C-alpha atoms as a PDB file:
ATOM      1  CA  MET A   1      37.158 -26.570 -18.232  1.00  0.00           C
ATOM      2  CA  ASN A   2      35.100 -27.550 -15.192  1.00  0.00           C
ATOM      3  CA  ARG A   3      37.122 -25.262 -12.948  1.00  0.00           C
ATOM      4  CA  VAL A   4      36.483 -22.292 -15.252  1.00  0.00           C
ATOM      5  CA  LEU A   5      32.752 -22.918 -15.151  1.00  0.00           C
ATOM      6  CA  ILE A   6      32.741 -22.977 -11.349  1.00  0.00           C
ATOM      7  CA  VAL A   7      34.554 -19.638 -11.179  1.00  0.00           C
ATOM      8  CA  LEU A   8      32.080 -18.056 -13.580  1.00  0.00           C
ATOM      9  CA  ILE A   9      28.895 -19.113 -11.860  1.00  0.00           C
ATOM     10  CA  PHE A  10      30.016 -18.789  -8.229  1.00  0.00           C
ATOM     11  CA  PRO A  11      29.545 -14.985  -7.966  1.00  0.00           C
ATOM     12  CA  ILE A  12      26.044 -15.286  -9.395  1.00  0.00           C
ATOM     13  CA  LEU A  13      25.034 -17.785  -6.746  1.00  0.00           C
ATOM     14  CA  LEU A  14      26.709 -15.813  -3.981  1.00  0.00           C
ATOM     15  CA  PHE A  15      24.760 -12.632  -4.658  1.00  0.00           C
ATOM     16  CA  ALA A  16      21.438 -14.159  -5.701  1.00  0.00           C
ATOM     17  CA  THR A  17      18.700 -12.568  -3.578  1.00  0.00           C
ATOM     18  CA  PRO A  18      15.457 -14.199  -2.398  1.00  0.00           C
ATOM     19  CA  LYS A  19      12.451 -14.362  -4.692  1.00  0.00           C
ATOM     20  CA  VAL A  20       9.588 -12.430  -3.167  1.00  0.00           C
ATOM     21  CA  ILE A  21       5.803 -12.270  -3.458  1.00  0.00           C
ATOM     22  CA  VAL A  22       3.704  -9.415  -2.075  1.00  0.00           C
ATOM     23  CA  SER A  23      -0.029  -8.855  -1.919  1.00  0.00           C
ATOM     24  CA  ILE A  24      -0.330  -5.274  -3.203  1.00  0.00           C
ATOM     25  CA  ALA A  25       1.673  -2.980  -5.473  1.00  0.00           C
ATOM     26  CA  PRO A  26       2.926  -0.472  -2.837  1.00  0.00           C
ATOM     27  CA  GLN A  27       4.728  -3.352  -1.126  1.00  0.00           C
ATOM     28  CA  LYS A  28       6.830  -3.882  -4.240  1.00  0.00           C
ATOM     29  CA  TYR A  29       8.134  -0.340  -3.825  1.00  0.00           C
ATOM     30  CA  PHE A  30       9.112  -1.014  -0.200  1.00  0.00           C
ATOM     31  CA  VAL A  31      10.715  -4.377  -0.921  1.00  0.00           C
ATOM     32  CA  SER A  32      12.703  -3.022  -3.866  1.00  0.00           C
ATOM     33  CA  LYS A  33      14.145  -0.291  -1.631  1.00  0.00           C
ATOM     34  CA  ILE A  34      15.480  -2.860   0.834  1.00  0.00           C
ATOM     35  CA  LYS A  35      16.408  -5.472  -1.754  1.00  0.00           C
ATOM     36  CA  GLY A  36      18.214  -2.969  -3.958  1.00  0.00           C
ATOM     37  CA  ASP A  37      16.267  -3.695  -7.161  1.00  0.00           C
ATOM     38  CA  ASP A  38      12.778  -4.631  -8.322  1.00  0.00           C
ATOM     39  CA  LYS A  39      13.693  -8.018  -9.801  1.00  0.00           C
ATOM     40  CA  ASP A  40      12.072 -11.247  -8.596  1.00  0.00           C
ATOM     41  CA  ILE A  41       9.231  -9.398  -6.846  1.00  0.00           C
ATOM     42  CA  SER A  42       5.744 -10.559  -7.836  1.00  0.00           C
ATOM     43  CA  ILE A  43       2.477  -8.814  -6.952  1.00  0.00           C
ATOM     44  CA  MET A  44      -0.532 -11.033  -6.235  1.00  0.00           C
ATOM     45  CA  ILE A  45      -3.312  -8.451  -6.652  1.00  0.00           C
ATOM     46  CA  PRO A  46      -3.105  -6.776 -10.095  1.00  0.00           C
ATOM     47  CA  LYS A  47      -3.882  -3.157 -10.882  1.00  0.00           C
ATOM     48  CA  GLY A  48      -7.585  -2.391 -10.754  1.00  0.00           C
ATOM     49  CA  ALA A  49      -8.468  -5.459  -8.667  1.00  0.00           C
ATOM     50  CA  SER A  50      -9.894  -5.291  -5.151  1.00  0.00           C
ATOM     51  CA  PRO A  51      -7.790  -6.537  -2.190  1.00  0.00           C
ATOM     52  CA  ALA A  52     -11.056  -7.712  -0.667  1.00  0.00           C
ATOM     53  CA  THR A  53     -12.392  -9.921  -3.452  1.00  0.00           C
ATOM     54  CA  TYR A  54      -9.517 -10.907  -5.759  1.00  0.00           C
ATOM     55  CA  SER A  55      -8.814 -14.592  -6.442  1.00  0.00           C
ATOM     56  CA  PRO A  56      -5.338 -15.488  -7.751  1.00  0.00           C
ATOM     57  CA  LYS A  57      -4.929 -17.158 -11.127  1.00  0.00           C
ATOM     58  CA  PRO A  58      -3.540 -20.714 -11.421  1.00  0.00           C
ATOM     59  CA  THR A  59      -0.278 -19.309 -12.833  1.00  0.00           C
ATOM     60  CA  GLN A  60       0.125 -17.205  -9.686  1.00  0.00           C
ATOM     61  CA  LEU A  61      -0.401 -20.228  -7.469  1.00  0.00           C
ATOM     62  CA  LYS A  62       2.293 -22.092  -9.396  1.00  0.00           C
ATOM     63  CA  GLU A  63       4.639 -19.161  -8.898  1.00  0.00           C
ATOM     64  CA  LEU A  64       4.495 -19.715  -5.144  1.00  0.00           C
ATOM     65  CA  ASN A  65       6.584 -22.864  -5.556  1.00  0.00           C
ATOM     66  CA  GLY A  66       9.640 -20.889  -6.606  1.00  0.00           C
ATOM     67  CA  ALA A  67       9.297 -18.114  -4.027  1.00  0.00           C
ATOM     68  CA  ASP A  68      11.335 -17.657  -0.843  1.00  0.00           C
ATOM     69  CA  ILE A  69       9.405 -14.955   1.056  1.00  0.00           C
ATOM     70  CA  TYR A  70       5.792 -13.805   1.103  1.00  0.00           C
ATOM     71  CA  PHE A  71       5.340 -10.369   2.676  1.00  0.00           C
ATOM     72  CA  THR A  72       1.834  -9.852   4.065  1.00  0.00           C
ATOM     73  CA  ILE A  73       0.244  -6.491   4.915  1.00  0.00           C
ATOM     74  CA  GLY A  74      -3.159  -7.374   6.354  1.00  0.00           C
ATOM     75  CA  VAL A  75      -5.548  -6.867   3.432  1.00  0.00           C
ATOM     76  CA  PRO A  76      -8.703  -9.076   3.369  1.00  0.00           C
ATOM     77  CA  PHE A  77      -7.362 -11.095   0.417  1.00  0.00           C
ATOM     78  CA  GLU A  78      -4.744 -12.627   2.699  1.00  0.00           C
ATOM     79  CA  LYS A  79      -7.280 -13.982   5.193  1.00  0.00           C
ATOM     80  CA  ASN A  80      -8.927 -15.906   2.379  1.00  0.00           C
ATOM     81  CA  TRP A  81      -5.783 -17.283   0.749  1.00  0.00           C
ATOM     82  CA  LEU A  82      -2.746 -17.518   3.052  1.00  0.00           C
ATOM     83  CA  ASP A  83      -3.576 -21.020   4.336  1.00  0.00           C
ATOM     84  CA  ARG A  84      -3.823 -22.213   0.749  1.00  0.00           C
ATOM     85  CA  PHE A  85      -0.483 -20.568  -0.057  1.00  0.00           C
ATOM     86  CA  ARG A  86       1.174 -22.296   2.913  1.00  0.00           C
ATOM     87  CA  SER A  87      -0.039 -25.679   1.712  1.00  0.00           C
ATOM     88  CA  ILE A  88       1.467 -25.073  -1.728  1.00  0.00           C
ATOM     89  CA  ASN A  89       4.951 -24.165  -0.474  1.00  0.00           C
ATOM     90  CA  LYS A  90       5.741 -25.329   3.058  1.00  0.00           C
ATOM     91  CA  ASN A  91       9.219 -23.764   2.897  1.00  0.00           C
ATOM     92  CA  LEU A  92       7.915 -20.303   2.045  1.00  0.00           C
ATOM     93  CA  LEU A  93       8.710 -17.727   4.738  1.00  0.00           C
ATOM     94  CA  PHE A  94       5.640 -15.632   5.580  1.00  0.00           C
ATOM     95  CA  VAL A  95       6.421 -12.221   7.068  1.00  0.00           C
ATOM     96  CA  ASP A  96       3.838  -9.883   8.576  1.00  0.00           C
ATOM     97  CA  THR A  97       5.202  -6.475   7.596  1.00  0.00           C
ATOM     98  CA  THR A  98       2.719  -4.723   9.919  1.00  0.00           C
ATOM     99  CA  LYS A  99       4.186  -6.310  13.061  1.00  0.00           C
ATOM    100  CA  GLY A 100       4.567  -3.517  15.618  1.00  0.00           C
ATOM    101  CA  ILE A 101       1.883  -1.294  14.057  1.00  0.00           C
ATOM    102  CA  LYS A 102      -1.222  -0.546  16.088  1.00  0.00           C
ATOM    103  CA  LYS A 103      -4.087  -0.661  13.623  1.00  0.00           C
ATOM    104  CA  VAL A 104      -7.122   1.564  14.126  1.00  0.00           C
ATOM    105  CA  ASP A 105     -10.521  -0.176  13.940  1.00  0.00           C
ATOM    106  CA  GLY A 106      -9.006  -2.968  11.852  1.00  0.00           C
ATOM    107  CA  ASP A 107      -8.107  -0.552   9.050  1.00  0.00           C
ATOM    108  CA  PRO A 108      -5.410  -2.255   6.914  1.00  0.00           C
ATOM    109  CA  HIS A 109      -4.295   0.821   4.906  1.00  0.00           C
ATOM    110  CA  VAL A 110      -1.184   1.475   7.010  1.00  0.00           C
ATOM    111  CA  TRP A 111       1.029   1.935   3.940  1.00  0.00           C
ATOM    112  CA  LEU A 112      -0.361   5.445   3.384  1.00  0.00           C
ATOM    113  CA  ASP A 113       1.511   6.875   6.376  1.00  0.00           C
ATOM    114  CA  PRO A 114       5.272   7.246   5.711  1.00  0.00           C
ATOM    115  CA  ASN A 115       6.049   6.925   9.420  1.00  0.00           C
ATOM    116  CA  LEU A 116       4.291   3.563   9.602  1.00  0.00           C
ATOM    117  CA  VAL A 117       6.157   2.489   6.486  1.00  0.00           C
ATOM    118  CA  LYS A 118       9.339   2.832   8.566  1.00  0.00           C
ATOM    119  CA  ILE A 119       8.092  -0.102  10.652  1.00  0.00           C
ATOM    120  CA  ILE A 120       7.136  -2.010   7.507  1.00  0.00           C
ATOM    121  CA  ALA A 121      10.630  -1.394   6.115  1.00  0.00           C
ATOM    122  CA  LYS A 122      12.249  -2.684   9.298  1.00  0.00           C
ATOM    123  CA  ASN A 123      10.251  -5.901   9.127  1.00  0.00           C
ATOM    124  CA  ILE A 124      11.210  -6.364   5.478  1.00  0.00           C
ATOM    125  CA  LYS A 125      14.867  -5.748   6.212  1.00  0.00           C
ATOM    126  CA  GLU A 126      14.930  -8.231   9.079  1.00  0.00           C
ATOM    127  CA  ALA A 127      13.317 -10.884   6.890  1.00  0.00           C
ATOM    128  CA  PHE A 128      15.928 -10.433   4.171  1.00  0.00           C
ATOM    129  CA  VAL A 129      18.748 -10.629   6.718  1.00  0.00           C
ATOM    130  CA  LYS A 130      17.238 -13.830   8.140  1.00  0.00           C
ATOM    131  CA  LYS A 131      16.753 -15.452   4.740  1.00  0.00           C
ATOM    132  CA  ASP A 132      19.941 -14.146   3.121  1.00  0.00           C
ATOM    133  CA  PRO A 133      22.493 -13.317   5.874  1.00  0.00           C
ATOM    134  CA  GLN A 134      25.455 -13.177   3.488  1.00  0.00           C
ATOM    135  CA  ASN A 135      24.032  -9.949   2.036  1.00  0.00           C
ATOM    136  CA  SER A 136      22.979  -8.445   5.383  1.00  0.00           C
ATOM    137  CA  THR A 137      25.303  -5.446   5.062  1.00  0.00           C
ATOM    138  CA  ILE A 138      23.636  -4.458   1.785  1.00  0.00           C
ATOM    139  CA  TYR A 139      20.149  -4.762   3.285  1.00  0.00           C
ATOM    140  CA  GLU A 140      21.133  -2.687   6.325  1.00  0.00           C
ATOM    141  CA  LYS A 141      22.526   0.069   4.117  1.00  0.00           C
ATOM    142  CA  ASN A 142      19.485   0.085   1.844  1.00  0.00           C
ATOM    143  CA  TYR A 143      17.225   0.227   4.901  1.00  0.00           C
ATOM    144  CA  GLN A 144      18.990   3.291   6.269  1.00  0.00           C
ATOM    145  CA  ASN A 145      18.799   5.010   2.883  1.00  0.00           C
ATOM    146  CA  PHE A 146      15.083   4.253   2.711  1.00  0.00           C
ATOM    147  CA  LEU A 147      14.533   5.731   6.183  1.00  0.00           C
ATOM    148  CA  ASP A 148      16.162   8.950   4.974  1.00  0.00           C
ATOM    149  CA  GLU A 149      13.831   8.958   1.965  1.00  0.00           C
ATOM    150  CA  LEU A 150      10.791   8.438   4.193  1.00  0.00           C
ATOM    151  CA  ASN A 151      11.794  11.305   6.484  1.00  0.00           C
ATOM    152  CA  LYS A 152      12.136  13.649   3.522  1.00  0.00           C
ATOM    153  CA  LEU A 153       8.810  12.497   2.087  1.00  0.00           C
ATOM    154  CA  ASP A 154       7.100  13.107   5.429  1.00  0.00           C
ATOM    155  CA  GLU A 155       8.485  16.654   5.553  1.00  0.00           C
ATOM    156  CA  SER A 156       7.377  17.324   1.964  1.00  0.00           C
ATOM    157  CA  ILE A 157       3.820  16.199   2.704  1.00  0.00           C
ATOM    158  CA  LYS A 158       3.728  18.277   5.891  1.00  0.00           C
ATOM    159  CA  LYS A 159       4.619  21.375   3.873  1.00  0.00           C
ATOM    160  CA  ILE A 160       1.886  20.664   1.332  1.00  0.00           C
ATOM    161  CA  THR A 161      -0.804  20.001   3.938  1.00  0.00           C
ATOM    162  CA  ALA A 162       0.229  22.715   6.425  1.00  0.00           C
ATOM    163  CA  ASN A 163      -1.948  25.412   4.873  1.00  0.00           C
ATOM    164  CA  ILE A 164      -5.018  23.316   4.155  1.00  0.00           C
ATOM    165  CA  LYS A 165      -8.003  25.110   5.653  1.00  0.00           C
ATOM    166  CA  GLN A 166     -10.659  22.539   4.822  1.00  0.00           C
ATOM    167  CA  LYS A 167      -9.499  19.590   6.917  1.00  0.00           C
ATOM    168  CA  ASN A 168     -12.468  17.403   5.959  1.00  0.00           C
ATOM    169  CA  PHE A 169     -12.513  15.391   2.757  1.00  0.00           C
ATOM    170  CA  ILE A 170     -15.086  12.940   1.408  1.00  0.00           C
ATOM    171  CA  VAL A 171     -14.068   9.568  -0.047  1.00  0.00           C
ATOM    172  CA  TYR A 172     -16.061   6.559  -1.185  1.00  0.00           C
ATOM    173  CA  HIS A 173     -13.963   3.816   0.423  1.00  0.00           C
ATOM    174  CA  PRO A 174     -12.282   4.607   3.807  1.00  0.00           C
ATOM    175  CA  SER A 175      -8.712   4.072   2.583  1.00  0.00           C
ATOM    176  CA  PHE A 176      -7.078   7.272   3.787  1.00  0.00           C
ATOM    177  CA  GLY A 177      -7.546   7.252   7.557  1.00  0.00           C
ATOM    178  CA  TYR A 178      -3.862   6.795   8.442  1.00  0.00           C
ATOM    179  CA  PHE A 179      -2.807   9.468   5.951  1.00  0.00           C
ATOM    180  CA  ALA A 180      -5.443  11.834   7.366  1.00  0.00           C
ATOM    181  CA  ARG A 181      -4.373  11.297  10.986  1.00  0.00           C
ATOM    182  CA  ALA A 182      -0.703  11.769  10.107  1.00  0.00           C
ATOM    183  CA  TYR A 183      -1.319  15.176   8.541  1.00  0.00           C
ATOM    184  CA  GLY A 184      -4.185  16.652  10.545  1.00  0.00           C
ATOM    185  CA  LEU A 185      -6.992  15.872   8.108  1.00  0.00           C
ATOM    186  CA  HIS A 186     -10.341  14.109   8.557  1.00  0.00           C
ATOM    187  CA  GLN A 187     -11.704  11.426   6.274  1.00  0.00           C
ATOM    188  CA  ILE A 188     -15.468  11.048   5.747  1.00  0.00           C
ATOM    189  CA  ALA A 189     -16.325   7.808   3.965  1.00  0.00           C
ATOM    190  CA  LEU A 190     -19.454   7.014   1.972  1.00  0.00           C
ATOM    191  CA  GLU A 191     -18.929   3.257   2.241  1.00  0.00           C
ATOM    192  CA  HIS A 192     -19.134   1.623   5.672  1.00  0.00           C
ATOM    193  CA  GLU A 193     -17.905  -1.912   6.430  1.00  0.00           C
ATOM    194  CA  GLY A 194     -17.983  -2.752   2.739  1.00  0.00           C
ATOM    195  CA  LYS A 195     -21.607  -1.690   2.332  1.00  0.00           C
ATOM    196  CA  LYS A 196     -22.953   0.938  -0.043  1.00  0.00           C
ATOM    197  CA  PRO A 197     -24.333   4.066   1.649  1.00  0.00           C
ATOM    198  CA  SER A 198     -28.033   4.337   2.359  1.00  0.00           C
ATOM    199  CA  LEU A 199     -29.982   7.197   0.805  1.00  0.00           C
ATOM    200  CA  ARG A 200     -30.427   8.741   4.233  1.00  0.00           C
ATOM    201  CA  TYR A 201     -26.686   8.708   4.840  1.00  0.00           C
ATOM    202  CA  GLU A 202     -26.004  10.125   1.374  1.00  0.00           C
ATOM    203  CA  MET A 203     -28.347  13.035   2.107  1.00  0.00           C
ATOM    204  CA  SER A 204     -26.509  13.759   5.347  1.00  0.00           C
ATOM    205  CA  ILE A 205     -23.207  13.802   3.432  1.00  0.00           C
ATOM    206  CA  ILE A 206     -24.720  16.178   0.863  1.00  0.00           C
ATOM    207  CA  ASP A 207     -25.804  18.502   3.660  1.00  0.00           C
ATOM    208  CA  PHE A 208     -22.338  18.328   5.234  1.00  0.00           C
ATOM    209  CA  ALA A 209     -20.599  19.021   1.907  1.00  0.00           C
ATOM    210  CA  LYS A 210     -22.780  22.058   1.248  1.00  0.00           C
ATOM    211  CA  LYS A 211     -22.226  23.535   4.695  1.00  0.00           C
ATOM    212  CA  ASN A 212     -18.453  23.018   4.508  1.00  0.00           C
ATOM    213  CA  GLY A 213     -17.938  24.016   0.883  1.00  0.00           C
ATOM    214  CA  ILE A 214     -16.432  20.687  -0.143  1.00  0.00           C
ATOM    215  CA  LYS A 215     -15.893  20.644  -3.906  1.00  0.00           C
ATOM    216  CA  THR A 216     -14.298  17.249  -4.496  1.00  0.00           C
ATOM    217  CA  ILE A 217     -15.457  13.686  -3.876  1.00  0.00           C
ATOM    218  CA  PHE A 218     -12.545  11.241  -3.936  1.00  0.00           C
ATOM    219  CA  ILE A 219     -12.734   7.642  -5.102  1.00  0.00           C
ATOM    220  CA  SER A 220     -10.300   4.789  -5.738  1.00  0.00           C
ATOM    221  CA  PRO A 221     -10.178   3.331  -9.287  1.00  0.00           C
ATOM    222  CA  GLU A 222     -11.480  -0.130  -8.358  1.00  0.00           C
ATOM    223  CA  PHE A 223     -14.859   1.232  -7.187  1.00  0.00           C
ATOM    224  CA  SER A 224     -17.944   2.354  -9.075  1.00  0.00           C
ATOM    225  CA  GLN A 225     -18.369   6.119  -9.261  1.00  0.00           C
ATOM    226  CA  LYS A 226     -22.169   5.971  -9.077  1.00  0.00           C
ATOM    227  CA  GLU A 227     -22.608   7.070  -5.453  1.00  0.00           C
ATOM    228  CA  ALA A 228     -19.739   9.571  -5.646  1.00  0.00           C
ATOM    229  CA  LYS A 229     -21.301  11.223  -8.702  1.00  0.00           C
ATOM    230  CA  PHE A 230     -24.690  11.275  -6.974  1.00  0.00           C
ATOM    231  CA  ILE A 231     -23.175  13.352  -4.159  1.00  0.00           C
ATOM    232  CA  ALA A 232     -21.049  15.496  -6.479  1.00  0.00           C
ATOM    233  CA  ASN A 233     -23.964  16.466  -8.732  1.00  0.00           C
ATOM    234  CA  ARG A 234     -25.932  17.756  -5.769  1.00  0.00           C
ATOM    235  CA  VAL A 235     -23.207  19.910  -4.251  1.00  0.00           C
ATOM    236  CA  ASP A 236     -21.631  21.199  -7.474  1.00  0.00           C
ATOM    237  CA  ALA A 237     -18.483  19.168  -6.863  1.00  0.00           C
ATOM    238  CA  LYS A 238     -16.247  17.006  -9.034  1.00  0.00           C
ATOM    239  CA  VAL A 239     -15.233  13.378  -8.654  1.00  0.00           C
ATOM    240  CA  LYS A 240     -11.495  12.763  -8.513  1.00  0.00           C
ATOM    241  CA  VAL A 241      -9.808   9.359  -8.674  1.00  0.00           C
ATOM    242  CA  ILE A 242      -6.886   8.781  -6.309  1.00  0.00           C
ATOM    243  CA  ASP A 243      -5.188   5.401  -6.201  1.00  0.00           C
ATOM    244  CA  HIS A 244      -4.224   4.129  -2.741  1.00  0.00           C
ATOM    245  CA  LEU A 245      -2.744   1.016  -4.395  1.00  0.00           C
ATOM    246  CA  SER A 246      -0.310   2.674  -6.799  1.00  0.00           C
ATOM    247  CA  GLU A 247       3.045   0.953  -7.263  1.00  0.00           C
ATOM    248  CA  ASN A 248       4.666   4.352  -7.703  1.00  0.00           C
ATOM    249  CA  TRP A 249       4.098   4.861  -3.986  1.00  0.00           C
ATOM    250  CA  LYS A 250       6.247   7.903  -3.210  1.00  0.00           C
ATOM    251  CA  SER A 251       5.073  10.178  -6.023  1.00  0.00           C
ATOM    252  CA  ASN A 252       1.513   8.968  -5.457  1.00  0.00           C
ATOM    253  CA  LEU A 253       1.526  10.171  -1.840  1.00  0.00           C
ATOM    254  CA  ILE A 254       2.704  13.598  -2.978  1.00  0.00           C
ATOM    255  CA  LYS A 255      -0.064  13.587  -5.582  1.00  0.00           C
ATOM    256  CA  MET A 256      -2.600  12.657  -2.900  1.00  0.00           C
ATOM    257  CA  ALA A 257      -1.458  15.481  -0.640  1.00  0.00           C
ATOM    258  CA  LYS A 258      -1.793  18.009  -3.467  1.00  0.00           C
ATOM    259  CA  SER A 259      -5.259  16.667  -4.293  1.00  0.00           C
ATOM    260  CA  PHE A 260      -6.422  17.225  -0.716  1.00  0.00           C
ATOM    261  CA  GLU A 261      -4.828  20.681  -0.794  1.00  0.00           C
ATOM    262  CA  LYS A 262      -6.942  21.608  -3.837  1.00  0.00           C
ATOM    263  CA  ASN A 263     -10.072  20.462  -2.004  1.00  0.00           C
ATOM    264  CA  ASN A 264     -10.252  23.890  -0.307  1.00  0.00           C
END
């Protein structure tokens, strides 16, 4: 009887993959592509919460004890909490998925450029191979498949943005700089260094929007729409919510590109 039990459980142990924690929802998409499924991947910052101010719940802190890898991505939340996480689980492997990416002005939103996500994917793959070498062939294959997906996504977004005449777009929080640079656009943010815009600055944005015929003010769901609506009402524009933290990362980037296209 004991021999039968060993035979039954051995394959399960052999192919068990590491338990993972990530900071933001888009990372779950990346990790699942390399891992091969979306099981045993926990997100620290829930939908609608800010990566700058969120504090994890006690149940989330307990969950760290059973985790194998924590993938970081450079959001402010991590600066406040990573030391605490390390003290909870000293065996937890922390992996900086932005290693090799040159960040612009400290902007953490690198996940909005598919070409930078290739670097993120490589760092994720290498971490899985290090932690779980017996399944390295699977991770390598999944990584290559994901690179193909990223190349196709990049081409799709290029086609959407190729004919955009109005290259400028106004957003509340400066989340879309990497996306803008990748596709020849220009982000103008109302918020600066986490501070609400002054009235003087808002008036300059209103003047700019009028002169350039901008008809949409973009905002992420975790922010108040007060300032965005103030601008929109004075230039006969609309406020549109676009989520830079969506877990459905691929389709969300296509949606973003089409939103900027309609800004003309």
